[in-house]
Amino acid sequence: MPHTRTPGTDAPPRPRPRWWTELPLILLVYACYSAGRLMVRGDEADAVEHGLAILRVEKALFLNAEHPLNRLFTREPWIGIPADFWYASLHYLVTPLILIWVFRSRTVRYRAARTWLMTSTFIGLIGFTLLPTCPPRLLEAGHGFVDTMAQYSTYGWWGGEASAPRGLGGMTNQYAAMPSLHVGWSLWCGVMLWRYGGTRATKVAGVVYPLVTTIVVMGTANHYFLDAVAGAAVMGAGLLLTPYVLRTAERVRGSLPARFTTRSAPAAPAPDGAGSPIVSGGCQTSAGERFPRQREPRVGPGAEPDPSPSDAGDETPAPAR
């Protein structure tokens, strides 16, 4: 027995994301994040104290990997220079490229992936607000850190005061070290590559990219190890909150006026012959065309058909002789 749908009981299909709506949304979210990050610079003394407190916790837990990595990057330019390019450039390139790739090739998964990334970014902004932290490179020289971005600034497009373009260092928040969204975003990219890549190379890239980024942020003295841990924790919190954010967005979308959400659906075709008094269901036949099981005439042109019941049809029995 075929399944019958009652009109009005099925939920309307979710419309496919469109790039002309997604691009302004992403740009708006990133602009809000950048402006918020700039406005919550925090007090320098508090930021330095928070950075030193993180160092003390790491030393107590024997987690101080920043010093040996920073010494290596400072001593070996063939490692330090590519690491500075990695830190200053890749999160601007890889993250949007993977977002576009998911949009084009995994459209069903795109909304959840985009919402996860945006939710985690806003959680990171809360962290910058509540806990302004001085990165290792801005601590006094007696703490043993060297700013590799400043040391190798003549090789790159960034200035000596920050990873921003030359002359724009004053327009960045230097105390937004906790959590490390470089690590958080790279972890998001790694998960996308691992889950949706489909090849061994993409899965390897999904593991290598966040691991190398974690090493780079510590070796360039831009983040502590605990900053990287916090960046991963922020992405975990964003992942847990993503279903709730999506449901809230759906409820908001459902509360909008119908003209903003409904689309005209094509009318379902009526069953063949339904509601038509004609046997052919409204179809017309050309001259000489027969319906199935229609008999050919047995009389010649101009002759009247025999009224006897022998030609009345297949279902009519012939009279006994």
Foldseek 3Di string as FASTA:
>chain_A
DDDDDDPPPDDDDDDFDDPVVVVVVVVVLVVVLLVLQQVQLDDPVQQAVLQVVVVVVCVVVVNFPLQVLQVVLVVDVVNVVVLLCCQLPDLVPLLVVLLVVCVPPVRVCNLLLVQLLSQLSVVLSVVCNVRQHAFQCPDDCVVRGHQSCLVCVVVDQPHNQDSDGPPCNNSGRNRSAAADLLLLSLQSSLVSQCPPVPDPVSNVSSVPRSVSSLSSCSNNRSYGNVNNVRSNVSSVVSSVCSVVVVVVVVVVLVPDDPVVRDDDDDDDDDPQLPPPPDPRSPDDDDPPDDDPQDDDDPDDPPDDDDPACPPVHDVGDHDDD
